[in-house]
PDB file of all heavy atoms in Angstrom:
ATOM      1  N   GLN A   1     124.211 103.429  94.891  1.00  0.00           N
ATOM      2  CA  GLN A   1     124.729 104.449  93.977  1.00  0.00           C
ATOM      3  C   GLN A   1     123.637 105.365  93.446  1.00  0.00           C
ATOM      4  O   GLN A   1     123.840 106.578  93.295  1.00  0.00           O
ATOM      5  CB  GLN A   1     125.461 103.777  92.805  1.00  0.00           C
ATOM      6  CG  GLN A   1     125.927 104.748  91.726  1.00  0.00           C
ATOM      7  CD  GLN A   1     126.808 104.103  90.685  1.00  0.00           C
ATOM      8  OE1 GLN A   1     127.911 103.680  90.982  1.00  0.00           O
ATOM      9  NE2 GLN A   1     126.321 104.013  89.454  1.00  0.00           N
ATOM     10  N   GLU A   2     122.462 104.820  93.168  1.00  0.00           N
ATOM     11  CA  GLU A   2     121.421 105.587  92.493  1.00  0.00           C
ATOM     12  C   GLU A   2     120.895 106.753  93.327  1.00  0.00           C
ATOM     13  O   GLU A   2     120.529 107.791  92.784  1.00  0.00           O
ATOM     14  CB  GLU A   2     120.270 104.666  92.086  1.00  0.00           C
ATOM     15  CG  GLU A   2     120.646 103.642  91.020  1.00  0.00           C
ATOM     16  CD  GLU A   2     121.149 104.287  89.741  1.00  0.00           C
ATOM     17  OE1 GLU A   2     120.645 105.360  89.374  1.00  0.00           O
ATOM     18  OE2 GLU A   2     122.060 103.720  89.113  1.00  0.00           O
ATOM     19  N   ILE A   3     120.835 106.600  94.650  1.00  0.00           N
ATOM     20  CA  ILE A   3     120.308 107.728  95.433  1.00  0.00           C
ATOM     21  C   ILE A   3     121.277 108.894  95.419  1.00  0.00           C
ATOM     22  O   ILE A   3     120.872 110.066  95.423  1.00  0.00           O
ATOM     23  CB  ILE A   3     119.972 107.309  96.882  1.00  0.00           C
ATOM     24  CG1 ILE A   3     119.083 108.388  97.511  1.00  0.00           C
ATOM     25  CG2 ILE A   3     121.247 107.074  97.711  1.00  0.00           C
ATOM     26  CD1 ILE A   3     118.410 107.962  98.786  1.00  0.00           C
ATOM     27  N   TRP A   4     122.574 108.601  95.343  1.00  0.00           N
ATOM     28  CA  TRP A   4     123.550 109.679  95.266  1.00  0.00           C
ATOM     29  C   TRP A   4     123.483 110.375  93.919  1.00  0.00           C
ATOM     30  O   TRP A   4     123.676 111.602  93.834  1.00  0.00           O
ATOM     31  CB  TRP A   4     124.945 109.133  95.532  1.00  0.00           C
ATOM     32  CG  TRP A   4     125.064 108.544  96.901  1.00  0.00           C
ATOM     33  CD1 TRP A   4     125.192 107.217  97.227  1.00  0.00           C
ATOM     34  CD2 TRP A   4     125.024 109.240  98.149  1.00  0.00           C
ATOM     35  NE1 TRP A   4     125.241 107.049  98.576  1.00  0.00           N
ATOM     36  CE2 TRP A   4     125.141 108.272  99.178  1.00  0.00           C
ATOM     37  CE3 TRP A   4     124.900 110.588  98.498  1.00  0.00           C
ATOM     38  CZ2 TRP A   4     125.135 108.624 100.524  1.00  0.00           C
ATOM     39  CZ3 TRP A   4     124.903 110.940  99.848  1.00  0.00           C
ATOM     40  CH2 TRP A   4     125.011 109.963 100.834  1.00  0.00           C
ATOM     41  N   VAL A   5     123.190 109.621  92.878  1.00  0.00           N
ATOM     42  CA  VAL A   5     122.987 110.237  91.565  1.00  0.00           C
ATOM     43  C   VAL A   5     121.768 111.157  91.612  1.00  0.00           C
ATOM     44  O   VAL A   5     121.755 112.237  91.020  1.00  0.00           O
ATOM     45  CB  VAL A   5     122.813 109.158  90.471  1.00  0.00           C
ATOM     46  CG1 VAL A   5     122.447 109.799  89.129  1.00  0.00           C
ATOM     47  CG2 VAL A   5     124.094 108.349  90.321  1.00  0.00           C
ATOM     48  N   GLY A   6     120.729 110.735  92.345  1.00  0.00           N
ATOM     49  CA  GLY A   6     119.546 111.577  92.495  1.00  0.00           C
ATOM     50  C   GLY A   6     119.855 112.889  93.196  1.00  0.00           C
ATOM     51  O   GLY A   6     119.346 113.955  92.820  1.00  0.00           O
ATOM     52  N   ILE A   7     120.702 112.844  94.225  1.00  0.00           N
ATOM     53  CA  ILE A   7     121.109 114.064  94.919  1.00  0.00           C
ATOM     54  C   ILE A   7     121.950 114.949  94.000  1.00  0.00           C
ATOM     55  O   ILE A   7     121.766 116.173  93.936  1.00  0.00           O
ATOM     56  CB  ILE A   7     121.889 113.713  96.204  1.00  0.00           C
ATOM     57  CG1 ILE A   7     120.945 113.018  97.203  1.00  0.00           C
ATOM     58  CG2 ILE A   7     122.516 114.951  96.825  1.00  0.00           C
ATOM     59  CD1 ILE A   7     121.650 112.481  98.434  1.00  0.00           C
ATOM     60  N   TYR A   8     122.872 114.330  93.277  1.00  0.00           N
ATOM     61  CA  TYR A   8     123.708 115.060  92.304  1.00  0.00           C
ATOM     62  C   TYR A   8     122.824 115.768  91.279  1.00  0.00           C
ATOM     63  O   TYR A   8     123.013 116.959  90.990  1.00  0.00           O
ATOM     64  CB  TYR A   8     124.643 114.074  91.619  1.00  0.00           C
ATOM     65  CG  TYR A   8     125.587 114.677  90.600  1.00  0.00           C
ATOM     66  CD1 TYR A   8     126.897 114.977  90.952  1.00  0.00           C
ATOM     67  CD2 TYR A   8     125.180 114.917  89.294  1.00  0.00           C
ATOM     68  CE1 TYR A   8     127.771 115.519  90.016  1.00  0.00           C
ATOM     69  CE2 TYR A   8     126.039 115.465  88.358  1.00  0.00           C
ATOM     70  CZ  TYR A   8     127.335 115.760  88.720  1.00  0.00           C
ATOM     71  OH  TYR A   8     128.191 116.300  87.788  1.00  0.00           O
ATOM     72  N   ASP A   9     121.841 115.055  90.727  1.00  0.00           N
ATOM     73  CA  ASP A   9     120.953 115.638  89.727  1.00  0.00           C
ATOM     74  C   ASP A   9     120.112 116.774  90.301  1.00  0.00           C
ATOM     75  O   ASP A   9     119.801 117.748  89.597  1.00  0.00           O
ATOM     76  CB  ASP A   9     120.027 114.566  89.140  1.00  0.00           C
ATOM     77  CG  ASP A   9     120.760 113.608  88.203  1.00  0.00           C
ATOM     78  OD1 ASP A   9     121.896 113.932  87.800  1.00  0.00           O
ATOM     79  OD2 ASP A   9     120.192 112.555  87.879  1.00  0.00           O
ATOM     80  N   ALA A  10     119.723 116.653  91.560  1.00  0.00           N
ATOM     81  CA  ALA A  10     118.940 117.717  92.195  1.00  0.00           C
ATOM     82  C   ALA A  10     119.714 119.030  92.206  1.00  0.00           C
ATOM     83  O   ALA A  10     119.149 120.111  92.000  1.00  0.00           O
ATOM     84  CB  ALA A  10     118.550 117.311  93.618  1.00  0.00           C
ATOM     85  N   VAL A  11     121.028 118.930  92.438  1.00  0.00           N
ATOM     86  CA  VAL A  11     121.870 120.124  92.427  1.00  0.00           C
ATOM     87  C   VAL A  11     122.093 120.606  90.997  1.00  0.00           C
ATOM     88  O   VAL A  11     121.909 121.787  90.684  1.00  0.00           O
ATOM     89  CB  VAL A  11     123.223 119.844  93.109  1.00  0.00           C
ATOM     90  CG1 VAL A  11     124.138 121.056  92.990  1.00  0.00           C
ATOM     91  CG2 VAL A  11     123.014 119.468  94.567  1.00  0.00           C
ATOM     92  N   ALA A  12     122.475 119.701  90.125  1.00  0.00           N
ATOM     93  CA  ALA A  12     122.809 120.071  88.741  1.00  0.00           C
ATOM     94  C   ALA A  12     121.634 120.693  88.008  1.00  0.00           C
ATOM     95  O   ALA A  12     121.811 121.571  87.155  1.00  0.00           O
ATOM     96  CB  ALA A  12     123.307 118.839  87.983  1.00  0.00           C
ATOM     97  N   GLN A  13     120.404 120.266  88.342  1.00  0.00           N
ATOM     98  CA  GLN A  13     119.207 120.731  87.632  1.00  0.00           C
ATOM     99  C   GLN A  13     118.394 121.743  88.428  1.00  0.00           C
ATOM    100  O   GLN A  13     117.264 122.070  88.063  1.00  0.00           O
ATOM    101  CB  GLN A  13     118.344 119.517  87.278  1.00  0.00           C
ATOM    102  CG  GLN A  13     119.049 118.517  86.384  1.00  0.00           C
ATOM    103  CD  GLN A  13     118.285 117.215  86.245  1.00  0.00           C
ATOM    104  OE1 GLN A  13     117.089 117.137  86.529  1.00  0.00           O
ATOM    105  NE2 GLN A  13     118.964 116.162  85.797  1.00  0.00           N
ATOM    106  N   ASP A  14     118.947 122.230  89.529  1.00  0.00           N
ATOM    107  CA  ASP A  14     118.238 123.218  90.364  1.00  0.00           C
ATOM    108  C   ASP A  14     116.826 122.743  90.713  1.00  0.00           C
ATOM    109  O   ASP A  14     115.855 123.490  90.620  1.00  0.00           O
ATOM    110  CB  ASP A  14     118.158 124.577  89.663  1.00  0.00           C
ATOM    111  CG  ASP A  14     119.510 125.270  89.567  1.00  0.00           C
ATOM    112  OD1 ASP A  14     120.383 124.980  90.396  1.00  0.00           O
ATOM    113  OD2 ASP A  14     119.677 126.089  88.653  1.00  0.00           O
ATOM    114  N   ARG A  15     116.724 121.507  91.157  1.00  0.00           N
ATOM    115  CA  ARG A  15     115.413 120.935  91.423  1.00  0.00           C
ATOM    116  C   ARG A  15     114.888 121.315  92.803  1.00  0.00           C
ATOM    117  O   ARG A  15     115.646 121.482  93.753  1.00  0.00           O
ATOM    118  CB  ARG A  15     115.464 119.411  91.307  1.00  0.00           C
ATOM    119  CG  ARG A  15     115.841 118.902  89.922  1.00  0.00           C
ATOM    120  CD  ARG A  15     115.862 117.383  89.879  1.00  0.00           C
ATOM    121  NE  ARG A  15     114.516 116.835  90.048  1.00  0.00           N
ATOM    122  CZ  ARG A  15     114.269 115.526  90.190  1.00  0.00           C
ATOM    123  NH1 ARG A  15     115.272 114.674  90.205  1.00  0.00           N
ATOM    124  NH2 ARG A  15     113.029 115.108  90.331  1.00  0.00           N
ATOM    125  N   ARG A  16     113.563 121.436  92.904  1.00  0.00           N
ATOM    126  CA  ARG A  16     112.858 121.637  94.170  1.00  0.00           C
ATOM    127  C   ARG A  16     111.963 120.420  94.382  1.00  0.00           C
ATOM    128  O   ARG A  16     111.063 120.163  93.581  1.00  0.00           O
ATOM    129  CB  ARG A  16     112.012 122.910  94.149  1.00  0.00           C
ATOM    130  CG  ARG A  16     112.835 124.188  93.960  1.00  0.00           C
ATOM    131  CD  ARG A  16     111.926 125.398  93.844  1.00  0.00           C
ATOM    132  NE  ARG A  16     111.183 125.624  95.074  1.00  0.00           N
ATOM    133  CZ  ARG A  16     111.582 126.425  96.056  1.00  0.00           C
ATOM    134  NH1 ARG A  16     112.731 127.073  95.950  1.00  0.00           N
ATOM    135  NH2 ARG A  16     110.856 126.583  97.146  1.00  0.00           N
ATOM    136  N   LEU A  17     112.218 119.680  95.449  1.00  0.00           N
ATOM    137  CA  LEU A  17     111.506 118.437  95.708  1.00  0.00           C
ATOM    138  C   LEU A  17     110.788 118.541  97.049  1.00  0.00           C
ATOM    139  O   LEU A  17     111.417 118.686  98.096  1.00  0.00           O
ATOM    140  CB  LEU A  17     112.490 117.258  95.715  1.00  0.00           C
ATOM    141  CG  LEU A  17     113.316 117.101  94.434  1.00  0.00           C
ATOM    142  CD1 LEU A  17     114.466 116.126  94.657  1.00  0.00           C
ATOM    143  CD2 LEU A  17     112.439 116.629  93.288  1.00  0.00           C
ATOM    144  N   GLY A  18     109.477 118.475  97.009  1.00  0.00           N
ATOM    145  CA  GLY A  18     108.689 118.652  98.207  1.00  0.00           C
ATOM    146  C   GLY A  18     108.495 117.372  98.987  1.00  0.00           C
ATOM    147  O   GLY A  18     108.320 116.299  98.418  1.00  0.00           O
ATOM    148  N   GLY A  19     108.528 117.489 100.322  1.00  0.00           N
ATOM    149  CA  GLY A  19     108.187 116.394 101.204  1.00  0.00           C
ATOM    150  C   GLY A  19     106.838 116.671 101.833  1.00  0.00           C
ATOM    151  O   GLY A  19     106.037 117.427 101.290  1.00  0.00           O
ATOM    152  N   GLN A  20     106.576 116.086 102.993  1.00  0.00           N
ATOM    153  CA  GLN A  20     105.312 116.343 103.668  1.00  0.00           C
ATOM    154  C   GLN A  20     105.299 117.706 104.353  1.00  0.00           C
ATOM    155  O   GLN A  20     104.267 118.364 104.402  1.00  0.00           O
ATOM    156  CB  GLN A  20     105.042 115.254 104.715  1.00  0.00           C
ATOM    157  CG  GLN A  20     104.509 113.954 104.134  1.00  0.00           C
ATOM    158  CD  GLN A  20     103.936 113.053 105.204  1.00  0.00           C
ATOM    159  OE1 GLN A  20     104.373 113.053 106.340  1.00  0.00           O
ATOM    160  NE2 GLN A  20     102.940 112.266 104.831  1.00  0.00           N
ATOM    161  N   SER A  21     106.443 118.120 104.875  1.00  0.00           N
ATOM    162  CA  SER A  21     106.466 119.369 105.629  1.00  0.00           C
ATOM    163  C   SER A  21     107.580 120.318 105.210  1.00  0.00           C
ATOM    164  O   SER A  21     107.635 121.452 105.684  1.00  0.00           O
ATOM    165  CB  SER A  21     106.601 119.074 107.135  1.00  0.00           C
ATOM    166  OG  SER A  21     107.764 118.295 107.394  1.00  0.00           O
ATOM    167  N   GLY A  22     108.464 119.883 104.340  1.00  0.00           N
ATOM    168  CA  GLY A  22     109.576 120.724 103.911  1.00  0.00           C
ATOM    169  C   GLY A  22     109.897 120.500 102.448  1.00  0.00           C
ATOM    170  O   GLY A  22     109.208 119.749 101.744  1.00  0.00           O
ATOM    171  N   CYS A  23     110.956 121.142 101.994  1.00  0.00           N
ATOM    172  CA  CYS A  23     111.326 121.075 100.578  1.00  0.00           C
ATOM    173  C   CYS A  23     112.840 120.956 100.449  1.00  0.00           C
ATOM    174  O   CYS A  23     113.592 121.662 101.136  1.00  0.00           O
ATOM    175  CB  CYS A  23     110.834 122.327  99.867  1.00  0.00           C
ATOM    176  SG  CYS A  23     111.099 122.331  98.081  1.00  0.00           S
ATOM    177  N   LEU A  24     113.285 120.049  99.594  1.00  0.00           N
ATOM    178  CA  LEU A  24     114.701 119.896  99.283  1.00  0.00           C
ATOM    179  C   LEU A  24     114.994 120.758  98.056  1.00  0.00           C
ATOM    180  O   LEU A  24     114.339 120.614  97.023  1.00  0.00           O
ATOM    181  CB  LEU A  24     115.018 118.429  98.997  1.00  0.00           C
ATOM    182  CG  LEU A  24     116.481 118.006  99.072  1.00  0.00           C
ATOM    183  CD1 LEU A  24     116.955 118.021 100.518  1.00  0.00           C
ATOM    184  CD2 LEU A  24     116.648 116.611  98.485  1.00  0.00           C
ATOM    185  N   ILE A  25     115.968 121.660  98.180  1.00  0.00           N
ATOM    186  CA  ILE A  25     116.243 122.619  97.106  1.00  0.00           C
ATOM    187  C   ILE A  25     117.680 122.460  96.637  1.00  0.00           C
ATOM    188  O   ILE A  25     118.626 122.644  97.418  1.00  0.00           O
ATOM    189  CB  ILE A  25     116.010 124.064  97.585  1.00  0.00           C
ATOM    190  CG1 ILE A  25     114.571 124.232  98.100  1.00  0.00           C
ATOM    191  CG2 ILE A  25     116.302 125.056  96.459  1.00  0.00           C
ATOM    192  CD1 ILE A  25     114.325 125.565  98.768  1.00  0.00           C
ATOM    193  N   GLY A  26     117.849 122.116  95.379  1.00  0.00           N
ATOM    194  CA  GLY A  26     119.175 122.033  94.789  1.00  0.00           C
ATOM    195  C   GLY A  26     119.529 123.338  94.098  1.00  0.00           C
ATOM    196  O   GLY A  26     118.671 123.970  93.482  1.00  0.00           O
TER     197      GLY A  26
END
């Protein structure tokens, strides 16, 4: 459940999360 909450929060908070070669943008 917690990883889905993390994805939900990324969208709700307009988060930008960097990886090694790309970026996840909510």
